[in-house]
Protein backbone atom coordinates (compact mmCIF):
# COMPACT_ATOMS: atom_id res chain seq x y z
CA UNK A 1 16.69 45.80 -7.94
CA UNK A 2 14.44 45.16 -11.03
CA UNK A 3 16.79 46.67 -13.46
CA UNK A 4 19.67 44.27 -11.75
CA UNK A 5 17.13 41.21 -11.73
CA UNK A 6 16.11 41.95 -15.55
CA UNK A 7 19.71 42.07 -16.49
CA UNK A 8 20.45 39.12 -14.60
CA UNK A 9 17.61 37.00 -16.86
CA UNK A 10 19.22 38.66 -19.76
CA UNK A 11 22.84 37.32 -18.67
CA UNK A 12 21.22 33.83 -17.95
CA UNK A 13 19.39 33.59 -21.51
CA UNK A 14 22.60 34.71 -23.60
CA UNK A 15 24.73 32.32 -21.58
CA UNK A 16 22.06 29.47 -22.66
CA UNK A 17 21.29 28.83 -19.00
CA UNK A 18 17.54 28.80 -19.37
CA UNK A 19 16.15 25.68 -19.27
CA UNK A 20 12.73 26.13 -20.73
CA UNK A 21 9.69 28.22 -20.65
CA UNK A 22 8.53 26.22 -17.80
CA UNK A 23 11.69 27.04 -15.76
CA UNK A 24 11.49 30.59 -16.96
CA UNK A 25 8.04 31.04 -15.25
CA UNK A 26 9.76 30.68 -11.64
CA UNK A 27 11.77 33.18 -9.85
CA UNK A 28 15.63 34.20 -10.71
CA UNK A 29 16.57 34.84 -7.17
CA UNK A 30 19.42 36.79 -6.29
CA UNK A 31 21.83 35.86 -3.67
CA UNK A 32 22.63 38.90 -1.12
CA UNK A 33 26.35 37.79 -1.83
CA UNK A 34 26.18 38.20 -5.54
CA UNK A 35 28.44 41.68 -7.02
CA UNK A 36 28.64 40.27 -10.75
CA UNK A 37 28.07 37.28 -12.68
CA UNK A 38 29.92 35.31 -15.25
CA UNK A 39 33.27 36.76 -14.63
CA UNK A 40 35.23 34.03 -15.79
CA UNK A 41 38.86 35.79 -15.48
CA UNK A 42 37.96 36.37 -11.51
CA UNK A 43 37.51 32.42 -11.31
CA UNK A 44 33.77 32.38 -11.34
CA UNK A 45 32.33 29.06 -12.49
CA UNK A 46 28.94 28.52 -13.57
CA UNK A 47 27.25 25.02 -13.33
CA UNK A 48 23.78 23.41 -13.78
CA UNK A 49 22.23 20.44 -11.59
CA UNK A 50 18.86 18.76 -12.75
CA UNK A 51 17.62 16.79 -10.02
CA UNK A 52 14.27 14.27 -9.02
CA UNK A 53 13.60 12.62 -5.82
CA UNK A 54 10.57 10.28 -4.51
CA UNK A 55 9.62 9.02 -8.07
CA UNK A 56 8.46 5.90 -6.36
CA UNK A 57 7.98 3.59 -9.97
CA UNK A 58 6.21 6.17 -11.32
CA UNK A 59 7.80 5.34 -14.87
CA UNK A 60 4.82 6.36 -16.63
CA UNK A 61 2.60 9.46 -16.26
CA UNK A 62 -0.40 9.73 -13.75
CA UNK A 63 -3.61 11.32 -12.47
CA UNK A 64 -3.02 14.14 -9.77
CA UNK A 65 -4.02 11.29 -7.35
CA UNK A 66 -0.85 9.44 -8.17
CA UNK A 67 -2.84 6.59 -9.82
CA UNK A 68 -2.72 5.68 -13.30
CA UNK A 69 -3.70 8.35 -15.78
CA UNK A 70 -7.20 6.97 -17.54
CA UNK A 71 -8.09 10.37 -18.49
CA UNK A 72 -6.12 12.65 -20.08
CA UNK A 73 -8.62 15.42 -20.27
CA UNK A 74 -8.30 15.78 -16.66
CA UNK A 75 -4.79 15.99 -16.77
CA UNK A 76 -1.60 13.83 -16.54
CA UNK A 77 1.80 14.44 -15.04
CA UNK A 78 5.08 13.00 -14.76
CA UNK A 79 6.51 9.89 -16.10
CA UNK A 80 10.42 9.62 -17.18
CA UNK A 81 9.79 9.95 -20.81
CA UNK A 82 8.79 13.86 -20.10
CA UNK A 83 11.71 13.76 -17.70
CA UNK A 84 13.90 12.27 -20.79
CA UNK A 85 12.50 14.93 -23.06
CA UNK A 86 13.43 18.02 -20.94
CA UNK A 87 16.83 16.17 -20.39
CA UNK A 88 17.65 15.74 -23.74
CA UNK A 89 16.31 18.74 -25.21
CA UNK A 90 18.63 20.95 -22.85
CA UNK A 91 21.77 19.25 -21.60
CA UNK A 92 23.19 19.75 -24.77
CA UNK A 93 23.87 23.28 -24.09
CA UNK A 94 24.39 22.90 -20.48
CA UNK A 95 28.17 20.89 -21.01
CA UNK A 96 28.79 21.69 -17.22
CA UNK A 97 25.80 20.23 -15.71
CA UNK A 98 25.00 16.86 -13.40
CA UNK A 99 21.53 15.04 -13.31
CA UNK A 100 21.17 13.37 -9.65
CA UNK A 101 18.81 11.10 -8.18
CA UNK A 102 17.98 11.72 -4.60
CA UNK A 103 16.32 8.35 -3.78
CA UNK A 104 13.26 6.12 -3.31
CA UNK A 105 12.38 4.98 -6.90
CA UNK A 106 10.92 1.82 -5.17
CA UNK A 107 7.49 1.37 -4.19
CA UNK A 108 4.20 3.00 -5.46
CA UNK A 109 2.97 1.14 -8.80
CA UNK A 110 2.64 -2.14 -10.17
CA UNK A 111 5.87 -1.45 -12.16
CA UNK A 112 7.46 -2.16 -8.92
CA UNK A 113 4.67 -4.70 -7.48
CA UNK A 114 5.26 -6.58 -10.57
CA UNK A 115 8.95 -6.40 -12.06
CA UNK A 116 10.62 -5.27 -8.74
CA UNK A 117 13.79 -3.20 -9.69
CA UNK A 118 14.41 -4.65 -13.04
CA UNK A 119 12.49 -2.02 -15.33
CA UNK A 120 13.34 1.08 -12.94
CA UNK A 121 16.88 0.31 -13.01
CA UNK A 122 16.71 -0.15 -17.00
CA UNK A 123 14.68 3.13 -17.10
CA UNK A 124 17.47 5.45 -14.92
CA UNK A 125 20.16 3.74 -17.13
CA UNK A 126 18.40 5.32 -20.10
CA UNK A 127 18.04 8.79 -18.43
CA UNK A 128 21.53 9.42 -18.36
CA UNK A 129 21.49 10.06 -14.45
CA UNK A 130 25.37 11.05 -13.33
CA UNK A 131 24.80 9.99 -9.55
CA UNK A 132 21.81 8.62 -6.90
CA UNK A 133 21.71 8.77 -3.25
CA UNK A 134 19.54 5.93 -1.57
CA UNK A 135 16.10 6.43 -0.15
CA UNK A 136 14.40 4.43 2.85
CA UNK A 137 12.01 2.30 0.65
CA UNK A 138 15.26 1.03 -1.54
CA UNK A 139 15.83 -0.95 1.52
CA UNK A 140 11.99 -2.40 1.89
CA UNK A 141 12.37 -5.94 0.03
CA UNK A 142 16.24 -6.16 1.88
CA UNK A 143 19.78 -5.58 1.74
CA UNK A 144 20.22 -8.41 -1.16
CA UNK A 145 17.46 -7.16 -3.24
CA UNK A 146 18.58 -3.45 -3.14
CA UNK A 147 22.51 -4.64 -3.92
CA UNK A 148 21.43 -6.74 -6.82
CA UNK A 149 19.54 -3.22 -8.17
CA UNK A 150 22.56 -1.58 -7.76
CA UNK A 151 24.74 -3.27 -9.32
CA UNK A 152 22.64 -3.21 -12.55
CA UNK A 153 23.01 0.68 -12.66
CA UNK A 154 25.49 2.06 -14.40
CA UNK A 155 26.37 5.60 -12.46
CA UNK A 156 27.92 6.11 -8.88
CA UNK A 157 25.46 5.18 -5.74
CA UNK A 158 26.39 7.98 -2.90
CA UNK A 159 25.38 7.60 0.47
CA UNK A 160 27.96 8.64 3.09
CA UNK A 161 26.31 7.28 6.51
CA UNK A 162 25.61 3.71 5.62
CA UNK A 163 27.85 1.10 6.44
CA UNK A 164 26.70 -2.48 5.73
CA UNK A 165 28.09 -6.15 6.48
CA UNK A 166 26.19 -6.72 2.81
CA UNK A 167 28.73 -7.69 -0.12
CA UNK A 168 26.78 -5.97 -2.57
CA UNK A 169 26.08 -3.05 -0.88
CA UNK A 170 29.59 -2.70 0.25
CA UNK A 171 30.77 -2.70 -3.30
CA UNK A 172 28.52 -0.18 -4.70
CA UNK A 173 27.71 2.31 -2.18
CA UNK A 174 30.39 4.92 -1.86
CA UNK A 175 30.29 8.27 0.73
CA UNK A 176 31.07 10.63 -2.08
CA UNK A 177 32.10 10.89 -5.73
CA UNK A 178 34.37 13.63 -7.45
CA UNK A 179 33.36 14.56 -10.80
CA UNK A 180 36.94 15.85 -11.71
CA UNK A 181 35.91 17.54 -15.01
CA UNK A 182 33.93 20.02 -12.83
CA UNK A 183 36.12 19.72 -9.85
CA UNK A 184 33.54 19.36 -7.72
CA UNK A 185 32.54 16.73 -4.85
CA UNK A 186 29.04 15.34 -4.12
CA UNK A 187 28.39 13.70 -0.69
CA UNK A 188 24.90 11.54 -0.29
CA UNK A 189 23.28 10.58 3.17
CA UNK A 190 20.21 8.74 3.77
CA UNK A 191 17.53 9.29 6.50
CA UNK A 192 19.03 7.34 9.92
CA UNK A 193 15.19 6.55 10.35
CA UNK A 194 15.47 3.85 7.83
CA UNK A 195 15.48 0.99 9.93
CA UNK A 196 12.28 2.22 11.76
CA UNK A 197 10.34 2.67 8.31
CA UNK A 198 11.65 -0.30 6.08
CA UNK A 199 13.83 -3.53 6.34
CA UNK A 200 17.71 -2.88 6.18
CA UNK A 201 19.50 -6.03 7.16
CA UNK A 202 20.33 -5.89 10.92
CA UNK A 203 24.51 -5.84 9.71
CA UNK A 204 23.31 -2.64 7.86
CA UNK A 205 23.40 1.09 9.71
CA UNK A 206 22.95 4.33 9.43
CA UNK A 207 24.80 7.00 11.22
CA UNK A 208 23.95 10.87 12.00
CA UNK A 209 23.61 12.60 9.07
CA UNK A 210 24.73 15.53 10.12
CA UNK A 211 28.01 14.22 11.03
CA UNK A 212 28.69 11.96 8.05
CA UNK A 213 28.36 14.76 6.13
CA UNK A 214 30.75 17.30 7.83
CA UNK A 215 33.43 14.56 8.29
CA UNK A 216 33.10 13.89 4.62
CA UNK A 217 33.42 17.42 3.73
CA UNK A 218 36.63 17.90 6.15
CA UNK A 219 38.19 14.65 4.50
CA UNK A 220 37.61 15.63 0.92
CA UNK A 221 39.00 19.25 1.87
CA UNK A 222 42.03 17.64 3.67
CA UNK A 223 42.87 15.04 0.60
CA UNK A 224 42.24 17.17 -2.16
CA UNK A 225 41.98 20.68 -4.05
CA UNK A 226 38.21 20.54 -4.31
CA UNK A 227 36.28 23.43 -2.93
CA UNK A 228 32.86 23.06 -4.73
CA UNK A 229 30.99 20.36 -2.67
CA UNK A 230 27.45 19.78 -3.23
CA UNK A 231 25.12 17.16 -1.21
CA UNK A 232 22.08 14.89 -1.99
CA UNK A 233 19.94 14.04 1.20
CA UNK A 234 17.17 11.73 1.38
CA UNK A 235 16.56 12.81 4.80
CA UNK A 236 13.53 15.37 4.80
CA UNK A 237 13.16 19.33 4.38
CA UNK A 238 13.23 19.99 7.76
CA UNK A 239 16.51 17.69 8.34
CA UNK A 240 18.27 19.47 5.04
CA UNK A 241 17.60 23.00 6.85
CA UNK A 242 19.37 21.31 10.30
CA UNK A 243 21.84 19.90 8.16
CA UNK A 244 22.64 23.23 6.57
CA UNK A 245 22.45 24.99 9.89
CA UNK A 246 24.87 22.30 11.51
CA UNK A 247 27.58 22.23 9.22
CA UNK A 248 30.30 24.38 7.31
CA UNK A 249 32.01 24.16 3.93
CA UNK A 250 28.76 22.54 2.26
CA UNK A 251 26.56 25.36 0.02
CA UNK A 252 24.22 23.58 -1.96
CA UNK A 253 21.77 20.52 -0.94
CA UNK A 254 19.61 18.80 -3.01
CA UNK A 255 16.72 16.90 -1.00
CA UNK A 256 14.22 14.30 -0.91
CA UNK A 257 12.02 12.12 1.73
CA UNK A 258 9.60 14.71 2.55
CA UNK A 259 7.73 15.22 -0.72
CA UNK A 260 8.26 19.03 -0.27
CA UNK A 261 7.19 21.08 -3.01
CA UNK A 262 9.18 24.27 -3.48
CA UNK A 263 8.49 27.44 -5.38
CA UNK A 264 6.00 30.27 -6.10
CA UNK A 265 3.55 27.66 -7.02
CA UNK A 266 0.23 27.27 -5.00
CA UNK A 267 0.62 25.20 -1.84
CA UNK A 268 4.32 25.34 -2.14
CA UNK A 269 5.84 25.28 1.48
CA UNK A 270 9.11 27.18 0.96
CA UNK A 271 11.06 28.88 -1.82
CA UNK A 272 12.75 27.39 -4.20
CA UNK A 273 15.96 27.41 -3.48
CA UNK A 274 15.52 27.69 0.46
CA UNK A 275 18.11 29.62 1.70
CA UNK A 276 19.87 29.12 5.49
CA UNK A 277 22.96 30.46 6.92
CA UNK A 278 25.72 27.57 7.95
CA UNK A 279 27.96 27.59 11.12
CA UNK A 280 30.32 30.06 9.35
CA UNK A 281 27.50 32.58 8.95
CA UNK A 282 27.73 31.78 5.12
CA UNK A 283 24.23 30.91 2.63
CA UNK A 284 23.42 27.40 1.79
CA UNK A 285 20.99 26.87 -0.75
CA UNK A 286 18.19 24.07 -0.47
CA UNK A 287 16.53 22.38 -3.37
CA UNK A 288 13.82 19.61 -3.54
CA UNK A 289 11.35 18.59 -6.41
CA UNK A 290 8.55 17.06 -4.79
CA UNK A 291 7.41 13.71 -5.13
CA UNK A 292 6.57 10.65 -8.06
CA UNK A 293 8.74 13.10 -10.77
CA UNK A 294 5.81 15.67 -11.41
CA UNK A 295 8.59 18.08 -11.36
CA UNK A 296 12.26 18.18 -12.56
CA UNK A 297 14.21 20.49 -10.17
CA UNK A 298 16.57 22.62 -12.16
CA UNK A 299 19.17 24.78 -10.60
CA UNK A 300 21.97 27.17 -12.26
CA UNK A 301 24.60 28.19 -9.80
CA UNK A 302 27.83 30.41 -9.78
CA UNK A 303 30.75 29.35 -7.65
CA UNK A 304 33.70 31.56 -6.22
CA UNK A 305 37.06 30.23 -6.10
CA UNK A 306 36.19 29.22 -2.22
CA UNK A 307 33.35 26.99 -3.44
CA UNK A 308 30.62 29.28 -2.14
CA UNK A 309 27.60 30.05 -4.24
CA UNK A 310 27.68 33.66 -5.92
CA UNK A 311 24.27 33.77 -7.74
CA UNK A 312 21.55 31.43 -8.89
CA UNK A 313 18.62 30.97 -11.12
CA UNK A 314 16.01 28.14 -11.93
CA UNK A 315 12.84 26.79 -10.71
CA UNK A 316 11.46 23.23 -10.75
CA UNK A 317 10.03 22.50 -14.36
CA UNK A 318 6.27 21.23 -13.97
CA UNK A 319 6.02 17.98 -15.99
CA UNK A 320 2.27 18.20 -17.82
CA UNK A 321 0.42 17.19 -20.85
CA UNK A 322 2.27 19.81 -22.70
CA UNK A 323 5.68 18.06 -22.01
CA UNK A 324 6.42 15.67 -24.64
CA UNK A 325 7.01 12.12 -24.05
CA UNK A 326 10.30 10.67 -25.58
CA UNK A 327 8.63 8.27 -28.08
CA UNK A 328 11.29 5.25 -27.74
CA UNK A 329 10.93 5.38 -23.95
CA UNK A 330 7.32 5.39 -23.64
CA UNK A 331 7.07 2.45 -26.27
CA UNK A 332 9.25 0.43 -23.47
CA UNK A 333 6.73 1.72 -20.61
CA UNK A 334 3.92 1.14 -22.51
CA UNK A 335 5.18 -2.90 -23.34
CA UNK A 336 5.96 -3.14 -19.92
CA UNK A 337 2.69 -2.65 -18.58
CA UNK A 338 1.39 -5.44 -20.81
CA UNK A 339 1.48 -8.41 -18.33
CA UNK A 340 -0.15 -6.77 -15.51
CA UNK A 341 -2.46 -4.47 -17.21
CA UNK A 342 -5.80 -6.57 -17.34
CA UNK A 343 -5.04 -7.63 -13.61
CA UNK A 344 -4.52 -3.78 -12.79
CA UNK A 345 -7.50 -2.75 -14.36
CA UNK A 346 -9.79 -5.00 -13.27
CA UNK A 347 -12.95 -3.03 -11.48
CA UNK A 348 -13.57 -3.65 -7.88
CA UNK A 349 -16.09 -1.57 -7.22
CA UNK A 350 -17.35 2.41 -7.39
CA UNK A 351 -16.75 4.95 -4.83
CA UNK A 352 -19.18 8.04 -5.01
CA UNK A 353 -16.69 10.27 -3.30
CA UNK A 354 -12.99 11.12 -3.52
CA UNK A 355 -11.02 8.90 -0.97
CA UNK A 356 -8.45 11.34 -0.04
CA UNK A 357 -4.99 10.37 1.03
CA UNK A 358 -3.67 14.18 0.78
CA UNK A 359 -4.23 15.14 4.69
CA UNK A 360 -3.26 12.11 6.35
CA UNK A 361 -0.32 12.68 7.94
CA UNK A 362 -1.73 16.08 9.52
CA UNK A 363 -5.16 14.59 10.31
CA UNK A 364 -7.85 12.06 10.10
CA UNK A 365 -8.04 11.71 6.16
CA UNK A 366 -11.12 9.65 4.32
CA UNK A 367 -9.24 7.00 2.92
CA UNK A 368 -7.29 6.64 6.34
CA UNK A 369 -10.67 5.92 7.74
CA UNK A 370 -11.89 3.40 5.09
CA UNK A 371 -8.94 1.25 5.51
CA UNK A 372 -8.84 1.04 8.79
CA UNK A 373 -12.61 0.34 8.67
CA UNK A 374 -11.72 -2.40 6.21
CA UNK A 375 -9.15 -4.01 8.42
CA UNK A 376 -11.51 -3.94 11.31
CA UNK A 377 -14.57 -5.61 9.34
CA UNK A 378 -12.26 -8.20 8.42
CA UNK A 379 -11.62 -9.40 11.58
CA UNK A 380 -14.89 -9.21 13.04
CA UNK A 381 -16.12 -11.12 10.12
CA UNK A 382 -13.41 -13.61 10.83
CA UNK A 383 -13.01 -13.94 14.48
CA UNK A 384 -15.01 -16.96 16.74
CA UNK A 385 -13.27 -15.60 20.14
CA UNK A 386 -13.24 -11.93 21.53
CA UNK A 387 -13.47 -9.36 18.82
CA UNK A 388 -11.33 -6.79 18.26
CA UNK A 389 -11.89 -3.46 19.96
CA UNK A 390 -10.57 -1.40 16.60
CA UNK A 391 -8.03 -0.81 13.75
CA UNK A 392 -4.83 1.25 13.78
CA UNK A 393 -2.58 2.24 10.61
CA UNK A 394 0.10 4.52 9.73
CA UNK A 395 -0.62 7.35 7.67
CA UNK A 396 2.97 6.57 5.63
CA UNK A 397 1.29 3.82 4.30
CA UNK A 398 -1.61 5.12 2.58
CA UNK A 399 0.06 6.56 -0.40
CA UNK A 400 -2.41 7.71 -3.30
CA UNK A 401 -5.86 8.96 -3.30
CA UNK A 402 -8.35 7.00 -4.66
CA UNK A 403 -10.67 9.04 -7.12
CA UNK A 404 -14.28 8.64 -7.49
CA UNK A 405 -15.80 6.61 -9.80
CA UNK A 406 -14.87 2.82 -10.44
CA UNK A 407 -12.04 1.31 -8.39
CA UNK A 408 -9.41 -0.53 -10.15
CA UNK A 409 -7.34 -2.81 -8.44
CA UNK A 410 -4.33 -1.02 -9.62
CA UNK A 411 -5.66 1.72 -7.70
CA UNK A 412 -5.84 -0.39 -4.79
CA UNK A 413 -2.13 -1.26 -5.16
CA UNK A 414 -0.86 2.21 -5.81
CA UNK A 415 -2.63 3.27 -2.75
CA UNK A 416 -1.36 0.29 -0.41
CA UNK A 417 2.03 -1.02 -2.36
CA UNK A 418 3.97 -2.33 0.25
CA UNK A 419 2.39 -5.95 0.73
CA UNK A 420 1.49 -5.45 4.21
CA UNK A 421 -0.26 -8.29 5.86
CA UNK A 422 -2.98 -7.69 8.63
CA UNK A 423 -2.56 -8.86 12.18
CA UNK A 424 -4.02 -9.01 15.26
CA UNK A 425 -2.30 -7.85 18.85
CA UNK A 426 -3.19 -7.53 22.20
CA UNK A 427 -1.48 -4.66 24.24
CA UNK A 428 -2.67 -3.41 28.10
CA UNK A 429 -4.21 0.23 28.36
CA UNK A 430 -1.57 1.41 29.86
CA UNK A 431 0.96 0.63 26.80
CA UNK A 432 -1.79 1.76 24.56
CA UNK A 433 -1.85 5.30 26.07
CA UNK A 434 1.66 5.56 26.26
CA UNK A 435 1.54 4.64 22.38
CA UNK A 436 -0.98 7.14 21.24
CA UNK A 437 0.57 9.48 23.32
CA UNK A 438 4.07 9.10 21.76
CA UNK A 439 2.40 8.85 18.02
CA UNK A 440 0.46 12.30 19.21
CA UNK A 441 3.83 14.22 19.80
CA UNK A 442 5.88 12.14 17.50
CA UNK A 443 8.16 10.85 19.95
CA UNK A 444 8.10 7.41 21.65
CA UNK A 445 7.57 7.28 25.30
CA UNK A 446 9.93 4.25 25.64
CA UNK A 447 12.82 4.82 23.72
CA UNK A 448 12.79 8.64 23.22
CA UNK A 449 13.13 8.67 19.56
CA UNK A 450 11.31 9.93 16.66
CA UNK A 451 7.80 8.38 15.55
CA UNK A 452 8.04 8.87 11.68
CA UNK A 453 4.43 8.59 10.85
CA UNK A 454 1.02 9.79 12.12
CA UNK A 455 -1.96 7.43 12.62
CA UNK A 456 -5.42 6.38 11.05
CA UNK A 457 -7.83 4.56 12.85
CA UNK A 458 -11.18 2.79 12.56
CA UNK A 459 -14.25 3.15 14.13
CA UNK A 460 -14.55 2.24 17.50
CA UNK A 461 -11.84 4.55 19.18
CA UNK A 462 -12.12 8.47 19.46
CA UNK A 463 -8.89 10.25 19.81
CA UNK A 464 -8.75 14.15 21.17
CA UNK A 465 -5.32 15.74 21.25
CA UNK A 466 -4.39 19.22 22.00
CA UNK A 467 -2.07 20.75 19.01
CA UNK A 468 1.27 21.82 19.86
CA UNK A 469 1.72 25.66 19.81
CA UNK A 470 4.87 25.38 17.34
CA UNK A 471 5.11 22.18 16.20
CA UNK A 472 4.17 20.53 12.93
CA UNK A 473 0.20 19.86 12.21
CA UNK A 474 -1.62 16.92 13.39
CA UNK A 475 0.91 16.87 16.93
CA UNK A 476 0.50 17.90 20.34
CA UNK A 477 -0.35 16.00 23.68
CA UNK A 478 -3.11 13.28 23.91
CA UNK A 479 -6.07 14.48 25.91
CA UNK A 480 -8.70 11.46 25.83
CA UNK A 481 -8.86 8.53 24.46
CA UNK A 482 -12.39 6.85 24.21
CA UNK A 483 -12.90 2.83 22.73
CA UNK A 484 -16.28 1.39 22.64
CA UNK A 485 -17.90 4.53 23.97
CA UNK A 486 -16.00 4.42 27.08
CA UNK A 487 -12.69 5.73 28.33
CA UNK A 488 -9.74 4.20 27.50
CA UNK A 489 -8.92 1.71 30.69
CA UNK A 490 -5.28 1.27 31.71
CA UNK A 491 -5.73 -1.59 33.74
CA UNK A 492 -7.84 -4.08 30.60
CA UNK A 493 -6.12 -5.43 27.33
CA UNK A 494 -7.39 -4.22 24.15
CA UNK A 495 -7.04 -6.02 21.06
CA UNK A 496 -6.28 -4.09 17.83
CA UNK A 497 -5.91 -4.85 14.28
CA UNK A 498 -2.92 -3.44 12.69
CA UNK A 499 -0.08 -4.54 10.12
CA UNK A 500 2.83 -6.32 10.52
CA UNK A 501 5.01 -3.59 9.84
CA UNK A 502 3.97 -2.06 12.97
CA UNK A 503 3.91 -4.65 15.16
CA UNK A 504 7.04 -5.32 14.23
CA UNK A 505 8.21 -1.41 15.38
CA UNK A 506 7.97 0.15 12.18
CA UNK A 507 7.75 3.71 12.42
CA UNK A 508 8.62 3.53 15.96
CA UNK A 509 4.85 3.11 16.82
CA UNK A 510 4.84 -0.19 18.97
CA UNK A 511 8.33 -0.14 19.79
CA UNK A 512 9.83 -2.74 21.35
CA UNK A 513 8.12 -4.71 18.84
CA UNK A 514 4.95 -6.67 19.94
CA UNK A 515 5.72 -10.59 20.41
CA UNK A 516 3.82 -13.50 18.90
CA UNK A 517 0.90 -12.24 16.66
CA UNK A 518 -0.07 -14.31 13.46
CA UNK A 519 0.18 -12.87 9.85
CA UNK A 520 -3.09 -12.85 8.22
CA UNK A 521 -4.21 -11.60 4.54
CA UNK A 522 -2.48 -8.95 3.01
CA UNK A 523 -3.94 -5.50 3.38
CA UNK A 524 -4.65 -5.13 -0.52
CA UNK A 525 -6.67 -8.38 -0.66
CA UNK A 526 -8.54 -7.20 2.47
CA UNK A 527 -9.39 -3.79 1.34
CA UNK A 528 -10.89 -5.30 -2.18
CA UNK A 529 -12.94 -7.49 -0.47
CA UNK A 530 -14.44 -4.44 1.86
CA UNK A 531 -14.67 -2.54 -1.49
CA UNK A 532 -16.83 -5.21 -3.08
CA UNK A 533 -18.94 -5.40 -0.05
CA UNK A 534 -19.17 -1.16 0.56
CA UNK A 535 -19.80 -0.43 -2.93
CA UNK A 536 -20.78 1.99 -3.98
CA UNK A 537 -18.49 3.58 -1.49
CA UNK A 538 -19.92 7.01 0.25
CA UNK A 539 -18.56 7.75 3.00
CA UNK A 540 -17.59 10.92 5.13
CA UNK A 541 -14.98 11.93 8.05
CA UNK A 542 -16.57 11.37 11.16
CA UNK A 543 -14.31 13.08 13.76
CA UNK A 544 -12.50 10.08 15.03
CA UNK A 545 -9.36 12.03 15.11
CA UNK A 546 -9.83 15.83 16.33
CA UNK A 547 -8.24 18.62 18.29
CA UNK A 548 -9.64 19.48 21.73
CA UNK A 549 -12.22 22.09 21.63
CA UNK A 550 -11.14 25.29 23.08
CA UNK A 551 -13.78 26.93 25.76
CA UNK A 552 -14.00 30.50 25.20
CA UNK A 553 -15.24 32.26 28.56
CA UNK A 554 -17.28 35.05 27.65
CA UNK A 555 -17.84 38.07 30.15
CA UNK A 556 -21.28 38.81 31.08
CA UNK A 557 -22.22 42.30 30.41
CA UNK A 558 -23.57 44.24 33.43
CA UNK A 559 -27.22 45.80 33.11
CA UNK A 560 -27.31 49.40 33.99
CA UNK A 561 -30.38 50.25 36.06
CA UNK A 562 -31.47 53.61 35.80
CA UNK A 563 -33.42 55.29 38.57
CA UNK A 564 -34.01 53.93 42.03
CA UNK A 565 -36.25 51.20 43.67
């Protein structure tokens, strides 16, 4: 096997398909169906794919936490000027290649907060993308804003499971695109949970992604001679694997949405590519490129005449300080910063600890504690009536870690970019128990649909759950809830501080939606004021969300007594 692998690597280099030293550091994996590569006389065809996903307005380089890179000595990552360098330096030797965007360009930094989609569109057009599917966050400002953004793009927009009564969306979104020069079709799909986690119009719907892909594959095969079909899917890594298992005729999936790191690096959740068998027993290759543009995905595949992948080579390319920035694009990005830079750099306080976001979707996290305590404090200081019992927010709304040291407005807006407003709601104890049970189990107890985020809570509430034996981290069965030092009482009402997104049914937590709440201050302003009050911030996790303690029964050792009484 070693000699075969070495031979393959040599062949890859000779054929000009090795992208960079960064890619060379990854595995050069071989399909179990491989017999021999690059045999053009047998009709085998080699093609390369570059892909990115979930960049979230990180047009510029960023620190490891996702906030602006203010200290290059600690490392800077990503930025579209680095991606452009790699693309421009390598695509000339890859004439048979596509560069695809797997969605969620909106939300995440001041570039979107200040400019909306304008500068993102300018950047994407300069990069030379060949196609893009739509992420859920593209709908955060509604259909009309998204439609205007899509009209400014110069490449195909692809999603097979979106139907809309919006004229702009109808005009721009297509279920698939055929690249005639490569005799290849690309299908796109967008997560069906978008209405629960974003703001599409009521006339915009999202059908079952598996059915949409299979129907589109069948249509392409019935109406064309195309056999090579790939998909760009903003549905998440787990759903990508389900899509692979439950379809036929699709052999390459480039995914996004779940921010999954694949490869052989530390922290990777799986191999790049991940290989799954489809309904026919054929191999399907799944790749995704983490988040924020820290990695540029790259995979080179060899197709047989049936459109199946015979062989593959590639690895995510890590974009670090060692990757040069394209000077022209970086000059534009630097200029776009000027109008908001002074505001973003305003220091609002100081933290002695890292306010970590990285574990918020699986357990209690420090930034989750801090934002919920800020929300609770805001209402405790403002109300003259019955005080709230606790605060609750969704982990999916906590977007980036705030590093130790000075805290800037830009960091606050990067960590909480959605413009959510704080609200107060009142719910019965019985509904609260059902709501928390659904969040912990990730299934809404009323409608049976998936709850799409974990929660974070403030002081004043303690949640204990039994973790699921085979489920994702942070999921399981609710065991107990203590509010104000007392067990949750299903017969009384509770006043909760949360955000308008959740009260309106977002993430399917409070669904059906809560009626009659009042919009209060925005979350970023509430947090800025709280940071000023608490500075220097010095907090630690306190177990407000925890797993049930396992009782270990110990057998008492028998005492041996020698001799008689």
